[in-house]
Amino acid sequence: MIHILSLKVENRAGALSRIAGLFSARGFNIDSLTVAPTDDPTVSSMTIVTHGDDAVIEQITKQLNKLIDVIKVVDTEGREYVNRETALVKIHTAARDRAEALRIVDIFRARVVDSSPTSYTVEVTGDSGKIDAMIGLLRPLGIKELVRTGKVAVARERGGSGKS
């Protein structure tokens, strides 16, 4: 089962290494990892996507909470949250395919962030399913390069709009 862990950690050298090392030492896999500073420059937000049964995730969470750099760990399982991922996709765009590429970009509310006579670089943000679907439609045009950020997640507030 896939789990998204949302962490607040001390923003200092070695914190990421210690957290990743915890996973490695115990044989747990990190499917996706995103880290960035928060509005407080001494704290970073970390989103880790991993998988395992409830016992494994409980063990990971307990081990993470023991690390000095970790302020808070939240498993989003069973909670309402919003998650997003961003991808940059560079595609071949022969003259005959340019209109089709732009049509796909428009359908997914993505945008062209760079273009040349032979390629477009497209930025798309959304859930993993949306990104996978767009990549699937762009693949026949010829993907030159693909880069994905990994998920970021935040818990929903009570009484929120419920839009994803």
N, C-alpha and C. Protein backbone atom coordinates (compact mmCIF):
# COMPACT_ATOMS: atom_id res chain seq x y z
N MET A 1 0.83 -1.17 0.00
CA MET A 1 0.00 0.00 0.00
C MET A 1 0.89 1.25 0.00
N ILE A 2 0.56 2.20 -0.84
CA ILE A 2 1.32 3.45 -0.94
C ILE A 2 0.93 4.39 0.21
N HIS A 3 1.93 5.01 0.81
CA HIS A 3 1.69 5.98 1.88
C HIS A 3 2.46 7.25 1.58
N ILE A 4 1.85 8.38 1.88
CA ILE A 4 2.50 9.68 1.76
C ILE A 4 2.75 10.18 3.18
N LEU A 5 4.02 10.36 3.51
CA LEU A 5 4.40 10.87 4.82
C LEU A 5 4.79 12.33 4.67
N SER A 6 4.18 13.18 5.47
CA SER A 6 4.48 14.60 5.46
C SER A 6 5.26 14.92 6.73
N LEU A 7 6.48 15.45 6.57
CA LEU A 7 7.34 15.72 7.70
C LEU A 7 7.68 17.20 7.79
N LYS A 8 7.88 17.66 9.00
CA LYS A 8 8.52 18.94 9.27
C LYS A 8 9.84 18.58 9.93
N VAL A 9 10.93 19.12 9.38
CA VAL A 9 12.27 18.78 9.88
C VAL A 9 13.09 20.05 10.06
N GLU A 10 14.10 19.94 10.93
CA GLU A 10 15.04 21.04 11.10
C GLU A 10 15.77 21.27 9.79
N ASN A 11 15.87 22.51 9.36
CA ASN A 11 16.54 22.86 8.11
C ASN A 11 18.03 23.05 8.40
N ARG A 12 18.74 21.91 8.46
CA ARG A 12 20.18 21.98 8.71
C ARG A 12 20.90 20.86 7.97
N ALA A 13 22.19 21.06 7.81
CA ALA A 13 23.01 20.11 7.05
C ALA A 13 22.93 18.72 7.66
N GLY A 14 22.74 17.73 6.80
CA GLY A 14 22.75 16.34 7.23
C GLY A 14 21.38 15.77 7.56
N ALA A 15 20.35 16.61 7.70
CA ALA A 15 19.02 16.11 8.07
C ALA A 15 18.49 15.16 6.99
N LEU A 16 18.57 15.57 5.75
CA LEU A 16 18.09 14.72 4.66
C LEU A 16 18.86 13.40 4.62
N SER A 17 20.14 13.47 4.80
CA SER A 17 20.98 12.27 4.77
C SER A 17 20.59 11.30 5.89
N ARG A 18 20.35 11.82 7.08
CA ARG A 18 19.97 10.96 8.20
C ARG A 18 18.61 10.30 7.96
N ILE A 19 17.68 11.05 7.39
CA ILE A 19 16.35 10.50 7.13
C ILE A 19 16.41 9.45 6.03
N ALA A 20 17.10 9.75 4.95
CA ALA A 20 17.25 8.77 3.87
C ALA A 20 18.02 7.54 4.36
N GLY A 21 19.00 7.76 5.21
CA GLY A 21 19.78 6.66 5.77
C GLY A 21 18.94 5.73 6.64
N LEU A 22 17.96 6.29 7.34
CA LEU A 22 17.06 5.46 8.14
C LEU A 22 16.31 4.47 7.25
N PHE A 23 15.81 4.97 6.11
CA PHE A 23 15.10 4.09 5.18
C PHE A 23 16.04 3.03 4.63
N SER A 24 17.22 3.45 4.21
CA SER A 24 18.19 2.53 3.61
C SER A 24 18.63 1.45 4.60
N ALA A 25 18.94 1.85 5.81
CA ALA A 25 19.44 0.91 6.82
C ALA A 25 18.43 -0.17 7.16
N ARG A 26 17.15 0.17 7.04
CA ARG A 26 16.10 -0.79 7.40
C ARG A 26 15.49 -1.49 6.18
N GLY A 27 16.04 -1.21 5.01
CA GLY A 27 15.58 -1.87 3.80
C GLY A 27 14.25 -1.37 3.27
N PHE A 28 13.87 -0.15 3.64
CA PHE A 28 12.63 0.45 3.14
C PHE A 28 12.95 1.28 1.90
N ASN A 29 12.04 1.30 0.95
CA ASN A 29 12.25 2.05 -0.28
C ASN A 29 11.55 3.40 -0.21
N ILE A 30 12.17 4.41 -0.77
CA ILE A 30 11.55 5.72 -0.95
C ILE A 30 11.17 5.81 -2.42
N ASP A 31 9.87 5.89 -2.70
CA ASP A 31 9.40 6.00 -4.08
C ASP A 31 9.57 7.41 -4.61
N SER A 32 9.39 8.39 -3.73
CA SER A 32 9.49 9.79 -4.12
C SER A 32 9.85 10.60 -2.87
N LEU A 33 10.67 11.63 -3.05
CA LEU A 33 11.11 12.47 -1.94
C LEU A 33 11.18 13.91 -2.41
N THR A 34 10.51 14.79 -1.70
CA THR A 34 10.52 16.21 -2.03
C THR A 34 10.82 16.99 -0.75
N VAL A 35 11.76 17.93 -0.83
CA VAL A 35 12.13 18.73 0.33
C VAL A 35 12.25 20.18 -0.08
N ALA A 36 11.73 21.08 0.76
CA ALA A 36 11.87 22.52 0.51
C ALA A 36 11.70 23.27 1.82
N PRO A 37 12.30 24.46 1.91
CA PRO A 37 12.10 25.28 3.11
C PRO A 37 10.64 25.71 3.24
N THR A 38 10.24 26.01 4.45
CA THR A 38 8.89 26.52 4.72
C THR A 38 8.98 28.03 4.90
N ASP A 39 7.89 28.63 5.37
CA ASP A 39 7.91 30.07 5.66
C ASP A 39 8.84 30.39 6.82
N ASP A 40 9.17 29.39 7.64
CA ASP A 40 10.16 29.53 8.71
C ASP A 40 11.48 28.99 8.17
N PRO A 41 12.49 29.82 8.01
CA PRO A 41 13.74 29.36 7.39
C PRO A 41 14.49 28.29 8.18
N THR A 42 14.10 28.03 9.42
CA THR A 42 14.77 26.99 10.22
C THR A 42 14.09 25.63 10.07
N VAL A 43 12.96 25.59 9.32
CA VAL A 43 12.19 24.36 9.17
C VAL A 43 11.99 24.05 7.69
N SER A 44 12.14 22.78 7.34
CA SER A 44 11.86 22.33 5.99
C SER A 44 10.65 21.40 6.01
N SER A 45 9.95 21.38 4.89
CA SER A 45 8.85 20.46 4.69
C SER A 45 9.36 19.34 3.80
N MET A 46 9.06 18.10 4.18
CA MET A 46 9.52 16.95 3.43
C MET A 46 8.32 16.05 3.16
N THR A 47 8.17 15.63 1.92
CA THR A 47 7.13 14.68 1.56
C THR A 47 7.81 13.42 1.05
N ILE A 48 7.52 12.31 1.71
CA ILE A 48 8.10 11.02 1.34
C ILE A 48 6.97 10.09 0.92
N VAL A 49 7.09 9.53 -0.27
CA VAL A 49 6.15 8.51 -0.72
C VAL A 49 6.86 7.18 -0.59
N THR A 50 6.24 6.27 0.13
CA THR A 50 6.81 4.94 0.36
C THR A 50 5.68 3.92 0.32
N HIS A 51 6.00 2.69 0.45
CA HIS A 51 4.96 1.67 0.46
C HIS A 51 5.26 0.62 1.51
N GLY A 52 4.18 0.00 1.97
CA GLY A 52 4.30 -1.06 2.96
C GLY A 52 2.96 -1.23 3.65
N ASP A 53 2.86 -2.30 4.41
CA ASP A 53 1.62 -2.51 5.15
C ASP A 53 1.61 -1.59 6.37
N ASP A 54 0.51 -1.62 7.12
CA ASP A 54 0.37 -0.70 8.25
C ASP A 54 1.48 -0.87 9.28
N ALA A 55 1.91 -2.11 9.52
CA ALA A 55 2.97 -2.35 10.51
C ALA A 55 4.28 -1.72 10.07
N VAL A 56 4.61 -1.85 8.79
CA VAL A 56 5.84 -1.26 8.26
C VAL A 56 5.80 0.26 8.37
N ILE A 57 4.67 0.85 7.98
CA ILE A 57 4.54 2.31 8.02
C ILE A 57 4.60 2.80 9.47
N GLU A 58 3.98 2.06 10.38
CA GLU A 58 4.05 2.43 11.80
C GLU A 58 5.49 2.40 12.29
N GLN A 59 6.24 1.37 11.87
CA GLN A 59 7.64 1.27 12.26
C GLN A 59 8.45 2.43 11.69
N ILE A 60 8.23 2.75 10.41
CA ILE A 60 8.93 3.89 9.79
C ILE A 60 8.62 5.17 10.55
N THR A 61 7.35 5.40 10.85
CA THR A 61 6.93 6.62 11.54
C THR A 61 7.59 6.71 12.93
N LYS A 62 7.60 5.62 13.67
CA LYS A 62 8.23 5.63 15.00
C LYS A 62 9.73 5.92 14.89
N GLN A 63 10.39 5.30 13.91
CA GLN A 63 11.82 5.52 13.73
C GLN A 63 12.11 6.97 13.33
N LEU A 64 11.27 7.53 12.44
CA LEU A 64 11.46 8.92 12.03
C LEU A 64 11.30 9.86 13.23
N ASN A 65 10.30 9.59 14.08
CA ASN A 65 10.06 10.45 15.24
C ASN A 65 11.21 10.42 16.24
N LYS A 66 12.06 9.38 16.20
CA LYS A 66 13.21 9.29 17.09
C LYS A 66 14.38 10.16 16.62
N LEU A 67 14.39 10.53 15.33
CA LEU A 67 15.49 11.34 14.81
C LEU A 67 15.42 12.76 15.35
N ILE A 68 16.55 13.28 15.75
CA ILE A 68 16.62 14.61 16.36
C ILE A 68 16.16 15.71 15.41
N ASP A 69 16.40 15.54 14.10
CA ASP A 69 16.05 16.56 13.13
C ASP A 69 14.55 16.62 12.83
N VAL A 70 13.82 15.57 13.16
CA VAL A 70 12.40 15.47 12.81
C VAL A 70 11.55 16.16 13.87
N ILE A 71 10.73 17.11 13.42
CA ILE A 71 9.83 17.84 14.31
C ILE A 71 8.47 17.16 14.37
N LYS A 72 7.97 16.74 13.21
CA LYS A 72 6.63 16.17 13.14
C LYS A 72 6.53 15.23 11.94
N VAL A 73 5.82 14.11 12.11
CA VAL A 73 5.56 13.16 11.02
C VAL A 73 4.06 12.92 10.97
N VAL A 74 3.49 13.05 9.76
CA VAL A 74 2.07 12.77 9.57
C VAL A 74 1.93 11.82 8.39
N ASP A 75 1.29 10.68 8.63
CA ASP A 75 0.94 9.75 7.55
C ASP A 75 -0.43 10.21 7.04
N THR A 76 -0.52 10.53 5.76
CA THR A 76 -1.78 11.05 5.22
C THR A 76 -2.84 9.98 5.04
N GLU A 77 -2.50 8.72 5.22
CA GLU A 77 -3.46 7.62 5.08
C GLU A 77 -4.65 7.86 6.01
N GLY A 78 -5.85 7.78 5.46
CA GLY A 78 -7.06 7.96 6.24
C GLY A 78 -7.41 9.41 6.51
N ARG A 79 -6.62 10.33 6.00
CA ARG A 79 -6.87 11.77 6.16
C ARG A 79 -7.17 12.37 4.80
N GLU A 80 -7.86 13.48 4.82
CA GLU A 80 -8.09 14.19 3.56
C GLU A 80 -6.91 15.11 3.33
N TYR A 81 -6.37 15.06 2.13
CA TYR A 81 -5.23 15.88 1.79
C TYR A 81 -5.26 16.22 0.30
N VAL A 82 -4.48 17.21 -0.05
CA VAL A 82 -4.29 17.60 -1.44
C VAL A 82 -2.86 17.25 -1.80
N ASN A 83 -2.67 16.59 -2.94
CA ASN A 83 -1.30 16.31 -3.37
C ASN A 83 -1.15 16.70 -4.83
N ARG A 84 0.03 17.13 -5.17
CA ARG A 84 0.35 17.54 -6.53
C ARG A 84 1.76 17.08 -6.87
N GLU A 85 1.98 17.01 -8.16
CA GLU A 85 3.28 16.66 -8.71
C GLU A 85 3.44 17.53 -9.96
N THR A 86 4.64 17.87 -10.29
CA THR A 86 4.91 18.63 -11.51
C THR A 86 5.84 17.82 -12.40
N ALA A 87 5.61 17.93 -13.70
CA ALA A 87 6.49 17.26 -14.66
C ALA A 87 6.86 18.25 -15.76
N LEU A 88 8.07 18.14 -16.24
CA LEU A 88 8.52 18.84 -17.43
C LEU A 88 8.76 17.77 -18.48
N VAL A 89 8.11 17.91 -19.63
CA VAL A 89 8.20 16.91 -20.69
C VAL A 89 8.67 17.60 -21.96
N LYS A 90 9.82 17.18 -22.47
CA LYS A 90 10.31 17.71 -23.74
C LYS A 90 9.92 16.71 -24.82
N ILE A 91 9.16 17.19 -25.81
CA ILE A 91 8.66 16.31 -26.86
C ILE A 91 9.13 16.76 -28.23
N HIS A 92 9.30 15.79 -29.12
CA HIS A 92 9.59 16.08 -30.52
C HIS A 92 8.34 16.72 -31.12
N THR A 93 8.52 17.74 -31.91
CA THR A 93 7.36 18.35 -32.56
C THR A 93 7.70 18.64 -34.02
N ALA A 94 7.56 17.62 -34.81
CA ALA A 94 7.66 17.83 -36.26
C ALA A 94 6.48 18.72 -36.66
N ALA A 95 6.60 19.39 -37.76
CA ALA A 95 5.56 20.34 -38.20
C ALA A 95 4.17 19.71 -38.18
N ARG A 96 4.06 18.47 -38.57
CA ARG A 96 2.75 17.81 -38.65
C ARG A 96 2.16 17.51 -37.26
N ASP A 97 3.02 17.50 -36.20
CA ASP A 97 2.57 17.14 -34.86
C ASP A 97 2.35 18.33 -33.93
N ARG A 98 2.75 19.53 -34.36
CA ARG A 98 2.70 20.67 -33.45
C ARG A 98 1.28 20.99 -32.98
N ALA A 99 0.32 20.95 -33.85
CA ALA A 99 -1.06 21.24 -33.47
C ALA A 99 -1.59 20.19 -32.50
N GLU A 100 -1.26 18.92 -32.75
CA GLU A 100 -1.70 17.84 -31.85
C GLU A 100 -1.07 18.01 -30.47
N ALA A 101 0.20 18.36 -30.42
CA ALA A 101 0.87 18.57 -29.14
C ALA A 101 0.19 19.70 -28.36
N LEU A 102 -0.10 20.79 -29.03
CA LEU A 102 -0.76 21.92 -28.37
C LEU A 102 -2.17 21.56 -27.91
N ARG A 103 -2.85 20.73 -28.66
CA ARG A 103 -4.19 20.28 -28.27
C ARG A 103 -4.11 19.47 -26.97
N ILE A 104 -3.15 18.57 -26.89
CA ILE A 104 -2.97 17.77 -25.68
C ILE A 104 -2.61 18.66 -24.49
N VAL A 105 -1.70 19.60 -24.71
CA VAL A 105 -1.30 20.54 -23.66
C VAL A 105 -2.53 21.29 -23.14
N ASP A 106 -3.38 21.75 -24.04
CA ASP A 106 -4.58 22.49 -23.66
C ASP A 106 -5.56 21.62 -22.87
N ILE A 107 -5.77 20.40 -23.30
CA ILE A 107 -6.70 19.49 -22.62
C ILE A 107 -6.31 19.30 -21.16
N PHE A 108 -5.01 19.21 -20.90
CA PHE A 108 -4.54 18.94 -19.54
C PHE A 108 -4.21 20.22 -18.76
N ARG A 109 -4.58 21.36 -19.31
CA ARG A 109 -4.30 22.66 -18.69
C ARG A 109 -2.82 22.80 -18.34
N ALA A 110 -2.00 22.25 -19.20
CA ALA A 110 -0.55 22.38 -19.05
C ALA A 110 -0.13 23.62 -19.83
N ARG A 111 1.16 23.86 -19.90
CA ARG A 111 1.61 25.00 -20.71
C ARG A 111 2.98 24.72 -21.30
N VAL A 112 3.19 25.30 -22.46
CA VAL A 112 4.49 25.21 -23.11
C VAL A 112 5.38 26.26 -22.47
N VAL A 113 6.52 25.83 -21.91
CA VAL A 113 7.44 26.75 -21.25
C VAL A 113 8.68 27.02 -22.07
N ASP A 114 8.89 26.24 -23.14
CA ASP A 114 10.01 26.48 -24.05
C ASP A 114 9.67 25.81 -25.38
N SER A 115 10.13 26.42 -26.45
CA SER A 115 9.89 25.81 -27.76
C SER A 115 11.07 26.07 -28.67
N SER A 116 11.23 25.18 -29.62
CA SER A 116 12.22 25.32 -30.67
C SER A 116 11.55 24.83 -31.94
N PRO A 117 12.20 24.94 -33.07
CA PRO A 117 11.57 24.44 -34.30
C PRO A 117 11.27 22.93 -34.28
N THR A 118 11.95 22.19 -33.38
CA THR A 118 11.75 20.73 -33.37
C THR A 118 11.23 20.17 -32.04
N SER A 119 10.98 21.04 -31.05
CA SER A 119 10.52 20.51 -29.77
C SER A 119 9.71 21.54 -28.99
N TYR A 120 8.90 21.03 -28.08
CA TYR A 120 8.22 21.81 -27.06
C TYR A 120 8.65 21.24 -25.71
N THR A 121 8.82 22.11 -24.72
CA THR A 121 8.95 21.65 -23.34
C THR A 121 7.68 22.08 -22.64
N VAL A 122 6.99 21.09 -22.06
CA VAL A 122 5.67 21.29 -21.48
C VAL A 122 5.76 21.11 -19.97
N GLU A 123 5.09 22.00 -19.24
CA GLU A 123 4.98 21.89 -17.79
C GLU A 123 3.56 21.50 -17.45
N VAL A 124 3.40 20.46 -16.62
CA VAL A 124 2.08 20.03 -16.19
C VAL A 124 2.13 19.78 -14.68
N THR A 125 1.07 20.22 -14.00
CA THR A 125 0.94 20.02 -12.56
C THR A 125 -0.40 19.37 -12.28
N GLY A 126 -0.39 18.41 -11.38
CA GLY A 126 -1.63 17.75 -10.99
C GLY A 126 -1.33 16.49 -10.22
N ASP A 127 -2.36 15.64 -10.07
CA ASP A 127 -2.11 14.38 -9.39
C ASP A 127 -1.38 13.43 -10.35
N SER A 128 -0.87 12.35 -9.82
CA SER A 128 -0.07 11.42 -10.62
C SER A 128 -0.85 10.86 -11.81
N GLY A 129 -2.14 10.61 -11.62
CA GLY A 129 -2.97 10.09 -12.70
C GLY A 129 -3.05 11.03 -13.88
N LYS A 130 -3.20 12.31 -13.59
CA LYS A 130 -3.26 13.32 -14.66
C LYS A 130 -1.94 13.36 -15.42
N ILE A 131 -0.85 13.36 -14.69
CA ILE A 131 0.47 13.42 -15.34
C ILE A 131 0.72 12.17 -16.17
N ASP A 132 0.38 11.01 -15.62
CA ASP A 132 0.55 9.75 -16.36
C ASP A 132 -0.28 9.75 -17.64
N ALA A 133 -1.52 10.26 -17.55
CA ALA A 133 -2.40 10.29 -18.72
C ALA A 133 -1.83 11.20 -19.81
N MET A 134 -1.34 12.37 -19.41
CA MET A 134 -0.78 13.28 -20.40
C MET A 134 0.47 12.69 -21.05
N ILE A 135 1.33 12.08 -20.25
CA ILE A 135 2.53 11.45 -20.79
C ILE A 135 2.15 10.36 -21.78
N GLY A 136 1.11 9.60 -21.45
CA GLY A 136 0.65 8.55 -22.35
C GLY A 136 0.22 9.08 -23.70
N LEU A 137 -0.43 10.26 -23.71
CA LEU A 137 -0.86 10.86 -24.99
C LEU A 137 0.30 11.50 -25.74
N LEU A 138 1.30 11.99 -25.01
CA LEU A 138 2.46 12.62 -25.65
C LEU A 138 3.47 11.60 -26.17
N ARG A 139 3.49 10.41 -25.58
CA ARG A 139 4.49 9.40 -25.94
C ARG A 139 4.53 9.10 -27.45
N PRO A 140 3.39 8.95 -28.14
CA PRO A 140 3.45 8.68 -29.59
C PRO A 140 4.11 9.81 -30.39
N LEU A 141 4.12 11.03 -29.85
CA LEU A 141 4.78 12.14 -30.54
C LEU A 141 6.30 12.05 -30.41
N GLY A 142 6.75 11.36 -29.36
CA GLY A 142 8.18 11.19 -29.13
C GLY A 142 8.67 12.04 -27.98
N ILE A 143 8.85 11.43 -26.84
CA ILE A 143 9.36 12.14 -25.67
C ILE A 143 10.89 12.12 -25.71
N LYS A 144 11.49 13.31 -25.69
CA LYS A 144 12.95 13.43 -25.67
C LYS A 144 13.48 13.34 -24.24
N GLU A 145 12.74 13.96 -23.30
CA GLU A 145 13.20 14.02 -21.92
C GLU A 145 11.98 14.20 -21.01
N LEU A 146 12.05 13.59 -19.84
CA LEU A 146 10.96 13.65 -18.87
C LEU A 146 11.55 13.79 -17.48
N VAL A 147 11.08 14.79 -16.72
CA VAL A 147 11.52 15.01 -15.35
C VAL A 147 10.28 15.25 -14.49
N ARG A 148 10.18 14.51 -13.36
CA ARG A 148 9.05 14.67 -12.45
C ARG A 148 9.57 15.05 -11.06
N THR A 149 8.78 15.85 -10.35
CA THR A 149 9.20 16.34 -9.05
C THR A 149 9.00 15.36 -7.92
N GLY A 150 8.04 14.48 -8.02
CA GLY A 150 7.60 13.71 -6.86
C GLY A 150 6.47 14.47 -6.21
N LYS A 151 5.74 13.82 -5.34
CA LYS A 151 4.54 14.42 -4.75
C LYS A 151 4.88 15.39 -3.64
N VAL A 152 4.04 16.40 -3.52
CA VAL A 152 3.98 17.24 -2.33
C VAL A 152 2.55 17.13 -1.85
N ALA A 153 2.37 17.20 -0.53
CA ALA A 153 1.03 17.01 0.02
C ALA A 153 0.82 17.92 1.21
N VAL A 154 -0.44 18.32 1.41
CA VAL A 154 -0.83 19.11 2.56
C VAL A 154 -2.23 18.65 2.98
N ALA A 155 -2.45 18.59 4.29
CA ALA A 155 -3.75 18.16 4.80
C ALA A 155 -4.81 19.20 4.49
N ARG A 156 -6.02 18.72 4.25
CA ARG A 156 -7.15 19.62 4.03
C ARG A 156 -7.63 20.18 5.38
N GLU A 157 -8.14 21.37 5.33
CA GLU A 157 -8.79 21.96 6.51
C GLU A 157 -10.23 21.49 6.56
N ARG A 158 -10.78 21.40 7.71
CA ARG A 158 -12.19 21.04 7.84
C ARG A 158 -13.03 22.11 7.21
N GLY A 159 -14.07 21.68 6.49
CA GLY A 159 -14.95 22.64 5.84
C GLY A 159 -14.40 23.21 4.56
N GLY A 160 -13.34 22.57 4.02
CA GLY A 160 -12.72 23.03 2.79
C GLY A 160 -13.63 22.74 1.59
N SER A 161 -13.19 23.18 0.43
CA SER A 161 -14.02 23.07 -0.78
C SER A 161 -14.11 21.64 -1.29
N GLY A 162 -13.15 20.79 -0.95
CA GLY A 162 -13.19 19.42 -1.42
C GLY A 162 -12.69 19.25 -2.85
N LYS A 163 -12.26 20.33 -3.49
CA LYS A 163 -11.70 20.23 -4.85
C LYS A 163 -10.30 19.70 -4.76
N SER A 164 -9.95 18.85 -5.70
CA SER A 164 -8.58 18.35 -5.77
C SER A 164 -7.89 19.10 -6.83
